[in-house]
Amino acid sequence: MVLMDYLQWDLIAVLSLCLFGFIYTSRAHAKSRLLNKRCNEQAKIIKSLQDDIKVLYKSASNLGTGLKKLEHGAKVLKEQQEQLTLKEPNQQAYRNAIQAIQNGETINKVSETSGLSRGEVELLKMFQKFKVNSSVDNKETIE
């Protein structure tokens, strides 16, 4: 009988240890599944961020290329503008003088501000009068 009692207690102890081991293992397995799920979610987020970084890098590269083209175009335009200014330095003076004449400024004032001679300004004023008169005559003949 005593041997039987020891075997029962030994059996109960072993079964208890097995039960606690099973509970511990199942909890560890549940935690492991949860951690694997989180790990997979974070891996997806990391992949998405990597894709976003690739897109940003490609966009920045394209933007840099476009910026270089714009800078080159601006440089070419500046050079062309400088060449035009060197070719026709007086053209701007004439344009300014014509604008001043159209605004009704006096011949002396236009001559002073534009740097043109009084005779040039008088000639421009006559051309402007002729231009205005001829455009009025053309309108009258059309109507």
N, C-alpha and C. Protein backbone atom coordinates (compact mmCIF):
# COMPACT_ATOMS: atom_id res chain seq x y z
N MET A 1 0.78 -1.18 0.00
CA MET A 1 0.00 0.00 0.00
C MET A 1 0.85 1.27 0.00
N VAL A 2 1.88 1.22 0.72
CA VAL A 2 2.74 2.38 0.80
C VAL A 2 3.35 2.65 -0.58
N LEU A 3 3.68 1.60 -1.28
CA LEU A 3 4.25 1.76 -2.60
C LEU A 3 3.21 2.36 -3.54
N MET A 4 1.99 1.95 -3.36
CA MET A 4 0.91 2.47 -4.17
C MET A 4 0.70 3.96 -3.90
N ASP A 5 0.80 4.34 -2.65
CA ASP A 5 0.63 5.75 -2.31
C ASP A 5 1.75 6.60 -2.94
N TYR A 6 2.97 6.06 -2.89
CA TYR A 6 4.07 6.80 -3.50
C TYR A 6 3.91 6.91 -5.00
N LEU A 7 3.43 5.86 -5.62
CA LEU A 7 3.23 5.89 -7.06
C LEU A 7 2.14 6.88 -7.44
N GLN A 8 1.11 6.95 -6.62
CA GLN A 8 0.03 7.92 -6.91
C GLN A 8 0.55 9.35 -6.79
N TRP A 9 1.29 9.59 -5.72
CA TRP A 9 1.83 10.93 -5.54
C TRP A 9 2.85 11.25 -6.63
N ASP A 10 3.65 10.27 -6.99
CA ASP A 10 4.61 10.48 -8.07
C ASP A 10 3.88 10.76 -9.39
N LEU A 11 2.82 9.98 -9.61
CA LEU A 11 2.03 10.17 -10.82
C LEU A 11 1.36 11.54 -10.83
N ILE A 12 0.82 11.92 -9.69
CA ILE A 12 0.17 13.25 -9.57
C ILE A 12 1.21 14.33 -9.79
N ALA A 13 2.40 14.19 -9.24
CA ALA A 13 3.46 15.18 -9.39
C ALA A 13 3.88 15.28 -10.86
N VAL A 14 4.05 14.13 -11.51
CA VAL A 14 4.45 14.14 -12.91
C VAL A 14 3.35 14.75 -13.76
N LEU A 15 2.10 14.39 -13.51
CA LEU A 15 0.99 14.96 -14.26
C LEU A 15 0.89 16.47 -14.03
N SER A 16 1.12 16.88 -12.79
CA SER A 16 1.09 18.33 -12.49
C SER A 16 2.20 19.05 -13.26
N LEU A 17 3.38 18.47 -13.26
CA LEU A 17 4.49 19.08 -14.01
C LEU A 17 4.18 19.11 -15.51
N CYS A 18 3.59 18.06 -16.00
CA CYS A 18 3.21 18.04 -17.43
C CYS A 18 2.17 19.11 -17.72
N LEU A 19 1.18 19.25 -16.81
CA LEU A 19 0.14 20.26 -17.00
C LEU A 19 0.74 21.66 -16.98
N PHE A 20 1.60 21.94 -16.00
CA PHE A 20 2.26 23.24 -15.95
C PHE A 20 3.15 23.46 -17.18
N GLY A 21 3.83 22.44 -17.62
CA GLY A 21 4.66 22.53 -18.83
C GLY A 21 3.81 22.81 -20.06
N PHE A 22 2.65 22.15 -20.15
CA PHE A 22 1.75 22.37 -21.28
C PHE A 22 1.23 23.80 -21.26
N ILE A 23 0.80 24.28 -20.09
CA ILE A 23 0.29 25.66 -19.98
C ILE A 23 1.39 26.65 -20.36
N TYR A 24 2.59 26.45 -19.81
CA TYR A 24 3.71 27.35 -20.11
C TYR A 24 4.04 27.32 -21.59
N THR A 25 4.07 26.16 -22.19
CA THR A 25 4.38 26.02 -23.60
C THR A 25 3.31 26.67 -24.47
N SER A 26 2.05 26.48 -24.12
CA SER A 26 0.97 27.07 -24.92
C SER A 26 1.00 28.59 -24.83
N ARG A 27 1.29 29.13 -23.64
CA ARG A 27 1.41 30.59 -23.52
C ARG A 27 2.61 31.10 -24.33
N ALA A 28 3.72 30.40 -24.24
CA ALA A 28 4.90 30.80 -25.00
C ALA A 28 4.62 30.73 -26.50
N HIS A 29 3.88 29.71 -26.91
CA HIS A 29 3.53 29.59 -28.32
C HIS A 29 2.61 30.74 -28.75
N ALA A 30 1.64 31.10 -27.91
CA ALA A 30 0.75 32.22 -28.23
C ALA A 30 1.53 33.53 -28.34
N LYS A 31 2.47 33.74 -27.41
CA LYS A 31 3.31 34.94 -27.48
C LYS A 31 4.16 34.93 -28.73
N SER A 32 4.68 33.77 -29.07
CA SER A 32 5.50 33.63 -30.27
C SER A 32 4.70 33.97 -31.52
N ARG A 33 3.46 33.49 -31.61
CA ARG A 33 2.61 33.80 -32.76
C ARG A 33 2.33 35.31 -32.82
N LEU A 34 2.05 35.92 -31.66
CA LEU A 34 1.79 37.36 -31.61
C LEU A 34 3.02 38.14 -32.07
N LEU A 35 4.19 37.74 -31.57
CA LEU A 35 5.43 38.42 -31.97
C LEU A 35 5.72 38.21 -33.45
N ASN A 36 5.45 37.02 -33.97
CA ASN A 36 5.63 36.78 -35.41
C ASN A 36 4.69 37.66 -36.23
N LYS A 37 3.45 37.80 -35.76
CA LYS A 37 2.47 38.64 -36.45
C LYS A 37 2.96 40.09 -36.47
N ARG A 38 3.40 40.59 -35.33
CA ARG A 38 3.93 41.96 -35.25
C ARG A 38 5.16 42.12 -36.14
N CYS A 39 6.01 41.12 -36.13
CA CYS A 39 7.22 41.16 -36.95
C CYS A 39 6.85 41.24 -38.44
N ASN A 40 5.88 40.46 -38.86
CA ASN A 40 5.42 40.50 -40.26
C ASN A 40 4.83 41.85 -40.61
N GLU A 41 4.03 42.43 -39.70
CA GLU A 41 3.45 43.75 -39.94
C GLU A 41 4.55 44.81 -40.08
N GLN A 42 5.54 44.74 -39.19
CA GLN A 42 6.64 45.69 -39.26
C GLN A 42 7.48 45.48 -40.51
N ALA A 43 7.62 44.25 -40.95
CA ALA A 43 8.35 43.98 -42.19
C ALA A 43 7.62 44.61 -43.38
N LYS A 44 6.27 44.53 -43.36
CA LYS A 44 5.49 45.16 -44.43
C LYS A 44 5.67 46.67 -44.40
N ILE A 45 5.67 47.25 -43.20
CA ILE A 45 5.85 48.70 -43.07
C ILE A 45 7.24 49.10 -43.57
N ILE A 46 8.25 48.33 -43.20
CA ILE A 46 9.61 48.61 -43.66
C ILE A 46 9.70 48.52 -45.17
N LYS A 47 9.07 47.52 -45.76
CA LYS A 47 9.07 47.37 -47.23
C LYS A 47 8.39 48.58 -47.88
N SER A 48 7.27 49.00 -47.30
CA SER A 48 6.56 50.16 -47.83
C SER A 48 7.43 51.42 -47.74
N LEU A 49 8.11 51.60 -46.62
CA LEU A 49 8.99 52.75 -46.45
C LEU A 49 10.16 52.71 -47.43
N GLN A 50 10.69 51.52 -47.66
CA GLN A 50 11.78 51.38 -48.63
C GLN A 50 11.30 51.76 -50.03
N ASP A 51 10.09 51.32 -50.38
CA ASP A 51 9.53 51.69 -51.68
C ASP A 51 9.34 53.19 -51.79
N ASP A 52 8.85 53.81 -50.70
CA ASP A 52 8.65 55.26 -50.69
C ASP A 52 9.99 55.99 -50.86
N ILE A 53 11.01 55.48 -50.20
CA ILE A 53 12.34 56.10 -50.32
C ILE A 53 12.86 55.98 -51.74
N LYS A 54 12.63 54.84 -52.39
CA LYS A 54 13.05 54.67 -53.79
C LYS A 54 12.35 55.68 -54.69
N VAL A 55 11.03 55.86 -54.46
CA VAL A 55 10.27 56.82 -55.27
C VAL A 55 10.78 58.23 -55.04
N LEU A 56 11.03 58.58 -53.77
CA LEU A 56 11.55 59.91 -53.46
C LEU A 56 12.93 60.13 -54.09
N TYR A 57 13.77 59.11 -54.03
CA TYR A 57 15.09 59.22 -54.62
C TYR A 57 15.00 59.44 -56.13
N LYS A 58 14.13 58.67 -56.77
CA LYS A 58 13.97 58.80 -58.22
C LYS A 58 13.41 60.19 -58.57
N SER A 59 12.43 60.66 -57.78
CA SER A 59 11.86 61.99 -58.01
C SER A 59 12.92 63.07 -57.82
N ALA A 60 13.71 62.94 -56.77
CA ALA A 60 14.76 63.93 -56.52
C ALA A 60 15.79 63.92 -57.66
N SER A 61 16.09 62.74 -58.15
CA SER A 61 17.03 62.63 -59.26
C SER A 61 16.47 63.31 -60.51
N ASN A 62 15.20 63.05 -60.79
CA ASN A 62 14.55 63.70 -61.95
C ASN A 62 14.46 65.20 -61.75
N LEU A 63 14.19 65.62 -60.53
CA LEU A 63 14.12 67.05 -60.23
C LEU A 63 15.48 67.70 -60.44
N GLY A 64 16.53 67.02 -60.00
CA GLY A 64 17.88 67.54 -60.20
C GLY A 64 18.22 67.68 -61.67
N THR A 65 17.83 66.69 -62.45
CA THR A 65 18.08 66.75 -63.90
C THR A 65 17.31 67.91 -64.52
N GLY A 66 16.04 68.06 -64.12
CA GLY A 66 15.23 69.16 -64.63
C GLY A 66 15.80 70.51 -64.23
N LEU A 67 16.29 70.60 -63.01
CA LEU A 67 16.88 71.85 -62.54
C LEU A 67 18.13 72.20 -63.33
N LYS A 68 18.94 71.19 -63.64
CA LYS A 68 20.14 71.43 -64.45
C LYS A 68 19.75 71.96 -65.83
N LYS A 69 18.69 71.37 -66.40
CA LYS A 69 18.23 71.84 -67.72
C LYS A 69 17.75 73.28 -67.65
N LEU A 70 17.00 73.61 -66.58
CA LEU A 70 16.52 74.98 -66.43
C LEU A 70 17.68 75.96 -66.24
N GLU A 71 18.66 75.58 -65.44
CA GLU A 71 19.82 76.44 -65.24
C GLU A 71 20.56 76.65 -66.54
N HIS A 72 20.69 75.59 -67.32
CA HIS A 72 21.37 75.72 -68.62
C HIS A 72 20.57 76.64 -69.53
N GLY A 73 19.24 76.46 -69.55
CA GLY A 73 18.39 77.32 -70.37
C GLY A 73 18.48 78.78 -69.95
N ALA A 74 18.51 79.01 -68.64
CA ALA A 74 18.62 80.39 -68.14
C ALA A 74 19.97 80.99 -68.54
N LYS A 75 21.02 80.17 -68.48
CA LYS A 75 22.35 80.65 -68.87
C LYS A 75 22.37 81.02 -70.35
N VAL A 76 21.75 80.16 -71.18
CA VAL A 76 21.70 80.43 -72.62
C VAL A 76 20.91 81.71 -72.89
N LEU A 77 19.77 81.86 -72.21
CA LEU A 77 18.96 83.07 -72.39
C LEU A 77 19.71 84.32 -71.97
N LYS A 78 20.44 84.23 -70.87
CA LYS A 78 21.21 85.38 -70.40
C LYS A 78 22.27 85.76 -71.42
N GLU A 79 22.95 84.75 -71.97
CA GLU A 79 23.97 85.02 -72.99
C GLU A 79 23.35 85.65 -74.23
N GLN A 80 22.18 85.14 -74.64
CA GLN A 80 21.51 85.71 -75.81
C GLN A 80 21.08 87.15 -75.54
N GLN A 81 20.59 87.40 -74.34
CA GLN A 81 20.17 88.75 -73.98
C GLN A 81 21.36 89.71 -74.01
N GLU A 82 22.49 89.24 -73.49
CA GLU A 82 23.69 90.08 -73.51
C GLU A 82 24.14 90.36 -74.93
N GLN A 83 24.04 89.36 -75.80
CA GLN A 83 24.42 89.56 -77.21
C GLN A 83 23.49 90.56 -77.88
N LEU A 84 22.19 90.45 -77.58
CA LEU A 84 21.24 91.40 -78.16
C LEU A 84 21.49 92.81 -77.65
N THR A 85 21.82 92.93 -76.39
CA THR A 85 22.10 94.24 -75.81
C THR A 85 23.33 94.85 -76.45
N LEU A 86 24.33 94.02 -76.71
CA LEU A 86 25.54 94.52 -77.36
C LEU A 86 25.28 94.90 -78.81
N LYS A 87 24.42 94.16 -79.49
CA LYS A 87 24.14 94.44 -80.90
C LYS A 87 23.35 95.74 -81.06
N GLU A 88 22.33 95.94 -80.23
CA GLU A 88 21.44 97.07 -80.39
C GLU A 88 21.29 97.85 -79.08
N PRO A 89 22.35 98.53 -78.66
CA PRO A 89 22.26 99.22 -77.38
C PRO A 89 21.29 100.39 -77.40
N ASN A 90 21.08 101.03 -78.58
CA ASN A 90 20.21 102.21 -78.65
C ASN A 90 18.73 101.84 -78.78
N GLN A 91 18.44 100.61 -79.10
CA GLN A 91 17.04 100.23 -79.29
C GLN A 91 16.21 100.49 -78.04
N GLN A 92 16.78 100.17 -76.89
CA GLN A 92 16.03 100.39 -75.65
C GLN A 92 15.81 101.89 -75.42
N ALA A 93 16.78 102.70 -75.77
CA ALA A 93 16.62 104.15 -75.62
C ALA A 93 15.48 104.64 -76.51
N TYR A 94 15.41 104.12 -77.74
CA TYR A 94 14.32 104.51 -78.65
C TYR A 94 12.96 104.04 -78.12
N ARG A 95 12.94 102.81 -77.60
CA ARG A 95 11.67 102.31 -77.05
C ARG A 95 11.21 103.18 -75.87
N ASN A 96 12.14 103.52 -75.00
CA ASN A 96 11.79 104.36 -73.85
C ASN A 96 11.33 105.73 -74.31
N ALA A 97 12.00 106.27 -75.31
CA ALA A 97 11.63 107.59 -75.82
C ALA A 97 10.23 107.55 -76.44
N ILE A 98 9.93 106.52 -77.22
CA ILE A 98 8.60 106.39 -77.84
C ILE A 98 7.53 106.28 -76.76
N GLN A 99 7.80 105.51 -75.72
CA GLN A 99 6.84 105.37 -74.62
C GLN A 99 6.63 106.71 -73.92
N ALA A 100 7.71 107.45 -73.71
CA ALA A 100 7.59 108.76 -73.07
C ALA A 100 6.80 109.72 -73.94
N ILE A 101 7.02 109.69 -75.26
CA ILE A 101 6.27 110.55 -76.19
C ILE A 101 4.79 110.19 -76.14
N GLN A 102 4.49 108.89 -76.13
CA GLN A 102 3.10 108.46 -76.05
C GLN A 102 2.45 108.86 -74.73
N ASN A 103 3.26 108.99 -73.70
CA ASN A 103 2.74 109.43 -72.40
C ASN A 103 2.59 110.95 -72.33
N GLY A 104 3.02 111.68 -73.39
CA GLY A 104 2.81 113.12 -73.47
C GLY A 104 3.92 113.96 -72.87
N GLU A 105 5.09 113.40 -72.67
CA GLU A 105 6.21 114.16 -72.11
C GLU A 105 6.76 115.11 -73.18
N THR A 106 7.41 116.18 -72.72
CA THR A 106 7.95 117.18 -73.64
C THR A 106 9.20 116.64 -74.33
N ILE A 107 9.54 117.27 -75.46
CA ILE A 107 10.70 116.84 -76.24
C ILE A 107 11.98 116.97 -75.41
N ASN A 108 12.11 118.09 -74.69
CA ASN A 108 13.33 118.30 -73.88
C ASN A 108 13.47 117.22 -72.80
N LYS A 109 12.37 116.92 -72.12
CA LYS A 109 12.44 115.94 -71.05
C LYS A 109 12.77 114.56 -71.61
N VAL A 110 12.15 114.18 -72.75
CA VAL A 110 12.42 112.89 -73.38
C VAL A 110 13.88 112.82 -73.79
N SER A 111 14.41 113.90 -74.33
CA SER A 111 15.80 113.93 -74.77
C SER A 111 16.74 113.75 -73.58
N GLU A 112 16.43 114.39 -72.47
CA GLU A 112 17.28 114.28 -71.28
C GLU A 112 17.25 112.86 -70.70
N THR A 113 16.05 112.29 -70.57
CA THR A 113 15.93 110.99 -69.91
C THR A 113 16.40 109.84 -70.80
N SER A 114 16.25 109.95 -72.12
CA SER A 114 16.60 108.83 -73.00
C SER A 114 18.05 108.88 -73.47
N GLY A 115 18.65 110.06 -73.43
CA GLY A 115 20.02 110.18 -73.93
C GLY A 115 20.07 110.41 -75.43
N LEU A 116 18.91 110.58 -76.06
CA LEU A 116 18.86 110.84 -77.51
C LEU A 116 18.94 112.34 -77.74
N SER A 117 19.34 112.70 -78.96
CA SER A 117 19.42 114.12 -79.28
C SER A 117 18.02 114.68 -79.48
N ARG A 118 17.91 116.01 -79.41
CA ARG A 118 16.62 116.66 -79.57
C ARG A 118 16.05 116.36 -80.96
N GLY A 119 16.90 116.32 -81.97
CA GLY A 119 16.45 116.04 -83.33
C GLY A 119 15.88 114.62 -83.45
N GLU A 120 16.53 113.67 -82.79
CA GLU A 120 16.03 112.29 -82.82
C GLU A 120 14.66 112.20 -82.17
N VAL A 121 14.51 112.91 -81.05
CA VAL A 121 13.23 112.87 -80.33
C VAL A 121 12.15 113.54 -81.18
N GLU A 122 12.48 114.66 -81.84
CA GLU A 122 11.50 115.33 -82.71
C GLU A 122 11.09 114.42 -83.85
N LEU A 123 12.05 113.72 -84.42
CA LEU A 123 11.75 112.78 -85.50
C LEU A 123 10.84 111.65 -85.01
N LEU A 124 11.14 111.12 -83.83
CA LEU A 124 10.29 110.07 -83.26
C LEU A 124 8.88 110.59 -83.02
N LYS A 125 8.78 111.84 -82.56
CA LYS A 125 7.46 112.42 -82.29
C LYS A 125 6.68 112.57 -83.60
N MET A 126 7.37 112.98 -84.67
CA MET A 126 6.70 113.10 -85.97
C MET A 126 6.23 111.73 -86.46
N PHE A 127 7.06 110.71 -86.30
CA PHE A 127 6.65 109.36 -86.70
C PHE A 127 5.44 108.89 -85.91
N GLN A 128 5.41 109.21 -84.63
CA GLN A 128 4.28 108.82 -83.80
C GLN A 128 3.00 109.51 -84.25
N LYS A 129 3.11 110.83 -84.59
CA LYS A 129 1.94 111.56 -85.09
C LYS A 129 1.46 110.95 -86.40
N PHE A 130 2.43 110.64 -87.28
CA PHE A 130 2.09 110.04 -88.56
C PHE A 130 1.42 108.68 -88.36
N LYS A 131 1.95 107.91 -87.44
CA LYS A 131 1.40 106.58 -87.15
C LYS A 131 -0.02 106.70 -86.63
N VAL A 132 -0.25 107.63 -85.72
CA VAL A 132 -1.60 107.83 -85.17
C VAL A 132 -2.55 108.30 -86.26
N ASN A 133 -2.12 109.27 -87.07
CA ASN A 133 -2.98 109.79 -88.15
C ASN A 133 -3.29 108.72 -89.18
N SER A 134 -2.30 107.91 -89.55
CA SER A 134 -2.54 106.89 -90.56
C SER A 134 -3.45 105.79 -90.02
N SER A 135 -3.36 105.48 -88.75
CA SER A 135 -4.25 104.46 -88.19
C SER A 135 -5.68 104.98 -88.11
N VAL A 136 -5.86 106.30 -87.86
CA VAL A 136 -7.19 106.89 -87.83
C VAL A 136 -7.77 106.90 -89.24
N ASP A 137 -6.96 107.27 -90.25
CA ASP A 137 -7.41 107.29 -91.65
C ASP A 137 -7.81 105.89 -92.10
N ASN A 138 -7.06 104.89 -91.73
CA ASN A 138 -7.37 103.51 -92.10
C ASN A 138 -8.69 103.05 -91.48
N LYS A 139 -8.94 103.46 -90.26
CA LYS A 139 -10.20 103.10 -89.60
C LYS A 139 -11.37 103.76 -90.31
N GLU A 140 -11.18 105.02 -90.73
CA GLU A 140 -12.28 105.74 -91.40
C GLU A 140 -12.58 105.11 -92.75
N THR A 141 -11.56 104.68 -93.51
CA THR A 141 -11.80 104.09 -94.81
C THR A 141 -12.43 102.71 -94.69
N ILE A 142 -12.12 101.99 -93.62
CA ILE A 142 -12.70 100.67 -93.40
C ILE A 142 -14.18 100.78 -93.07
N GLU A 143 -14.52 101.76 -92.25
CA GLU A 143 -15.91 101.93 -91.83
C GLU A 143 -16.69 102.54 -92.96
